[in-house]
Amino acid sequence: MSTISHEPVRAAREPRSWSEQVLVREMWASLAIMVIWLSVLFEAIWGPDIVSTTYIGDHTTVPSAVVGALFAFLATWVVAKYGFRRDTKD
């Protein structure tokens, strides 16, 4: 009767120290995205409105957070693209 041998046991990685975890790029990218969207939240709560008035007297009011959300989306896209990429080293 024969047995099948298992793969060799791989050495487990040592846990990262606190100083190495602070330098992790993904953490800083996540923090940056969180701050971007928190600024949109605060702009929506306390920001002014964009008011447009025609010469007839009609007026339109749009919250300024709409414009801020557009730029926050673009900033999130850029930060996520470069912050969460995986570098392939050949």
Protein backbone atom coordinates (compact mmCIF):
# COMPACT_ATOMS: atom_id res chain seq x y z
CA MET A 1 0.00 0.00 0.00
CA SER A 2 1.38 3.42 -0.91
CA THR A 3 0.67 6.92 0.34
CA ILE A 4 0.70 10.25 -1.43
CA SER A 5 2.98 12.78 0.10
CA HIS A 6 1.70 16.29 0.67
CA GLU A 7 3.31 19.48 -0.53
CA PRO A 8 6.18 20.69 1.62
CA VAL A 9 5.14 22.99 4.40
CA ARG A 10 5.69 26.61 3.45
CA ALA A 11 7.15 28.99 5.95
CA ALA A 12 4.53 31.37 7.28
CA ARG A 13 5.20 35.04 6.88
CA GLU A 14 6.02 36.86 10.05
CA PRO A 15 3.36 39.37 11.05
CA ARG A 16 4.18 42.92 10.08
CA SER A 17 5.26 45.30 12.77
CA TRP A 18 3.28 48.48 13.43
CA SER A 19 5.82 50.65 11.64
CA GLU A 20 5.55 48.51 8.49
CA GLN A 21 1.76 48.63 8.57
CA VAL A 22 1.77 52.43 8.66
CA LEU A 23 3.66 52.48 5.37
CA VAL A 24 1.11 50.33 3.52
CA ARG A 25 -0.04 52.16 0.39
CA GLU A 26 -3.57 50.72 0.48
CA MET A 27 -4.21 52.17 3.93
CA TRP A 28 -3.29 55.68 2.82
CA ALA A 29 -5.37 55.38 -0.34
CA SER A 30 -8.38 54.28 1.72
CA LEU A 31 -7.87 57.16 4.13
CA ALA A 32 -7.62 59.65 1.25
CA ILE A 33 -10.85 58.37 -0.33
CA MET A 34 -12.61 58.57 3.02
CA VAL A 35 -11.52 62.19 3.50
CA ILE A 36 -12.63 63.08 -0.04
CA TRP A 37 -16.15 61.83 0.56
CA LEU A 38 -16.34 63.30 4.05
CA SER A 39 -15.60 66.68 2.51
CA VAL A 40 -18.54 66.15 0.12
CA LEU A 41 -20.74 65.28 3.09
CA PHE A 42 -19.75 68.45 4.96
CA GLU A 43 -20.21 70.49 1.80
CA ALA A 44 -23.72 69.06 1.41
CA ILE A 45 -24.62 69.90 5.01
CA TRP A 46 -23.06 73.34 5.45
CA GLY A 47 -22.18 74.42 1.91
CA PRO A 48 -23.97 77.14 -0.01
CA ASP A 49 -26.32 76.56 -2.92
CA ILE A 50 -25.64 77.54 -6.52
CA VAL A 51 -28.39 79.97 -7.48
CA SER A 52 -29.02 80.91 -11.10
CA THR A 53 -31.44 83.74 -11.90
CA THR A 54 -32.63 84.71 -15.38
CA TYR A 55 -33.50 88.25 -16.46
CA ILE A 56 -37.21 87.33 -16.29
CA GLY A 57 -36.91 86.48 -12.61
CA ASP A 58 -36.92 82.69 -12.73
CA HIS A 59 -34.35 81.10 -10.50
CA THR A 60 -32.87 77.64 -10.08
CA THR A 61 -31.17 76.36 -6.96
CA VAL A 62 -28.70 73.45 -7.01
CA PRO A 63 -26.76 72.25 -3.96
CA SER A 64 -23.04 72.85 -4.35
CA ALA A 65 -22.42 69.25 -3.25
CA VAL A 66 -23.49 68.11 -6.73
CA VAL A 67 -20.42 69.75 -8.24
CA GLY A 68 -18.29 68.59 -5.32
CA ALA A 69 -19.48 64.99 -5.79
CA LEU A 70 -18.46 65.10 -9.46
CA PHE A 71 -14.92 66.13 -8.58
CA ALA A 72 -14.84 63.70 -5.64
CA PHE A 73 -15.75 60.87 -8.02
CA LEU A 74 -12.90 61.80 -10.34
CA ALA A 75 -10.46 62.11 -7.42
CA THR A 76 -11.58 58.75 -6.02
CA TRP A 77 -11.00 57.16 -9.40
CA VAL A 78 -7.44 58.47 -9.60
CA VAL A 79 -6.55 57.64 -5.99
CA ALA A 80 -7.96 54.12 -6.31
CA LYS A 81 -6.16 53.51 -9.60
CA TYR A 82 -2.74 54.36 -8.21
CA GLY A 83 -3.28 53.46 -4.55
CA PHE A 84 -4.63 49.94 -5.04
CA ARG A 85 -2.60 48.81 -8.04
CA ARG A 86 -0.45 45.73 -7.80
CA ASP A 87 3.12 46.14 -8.98
CA THR A 88 4.24 43.13 -10.97
CA LYS A 89 7.97 42.60 -10.74
CA ASP A 90 9.47 40.27 -13.31
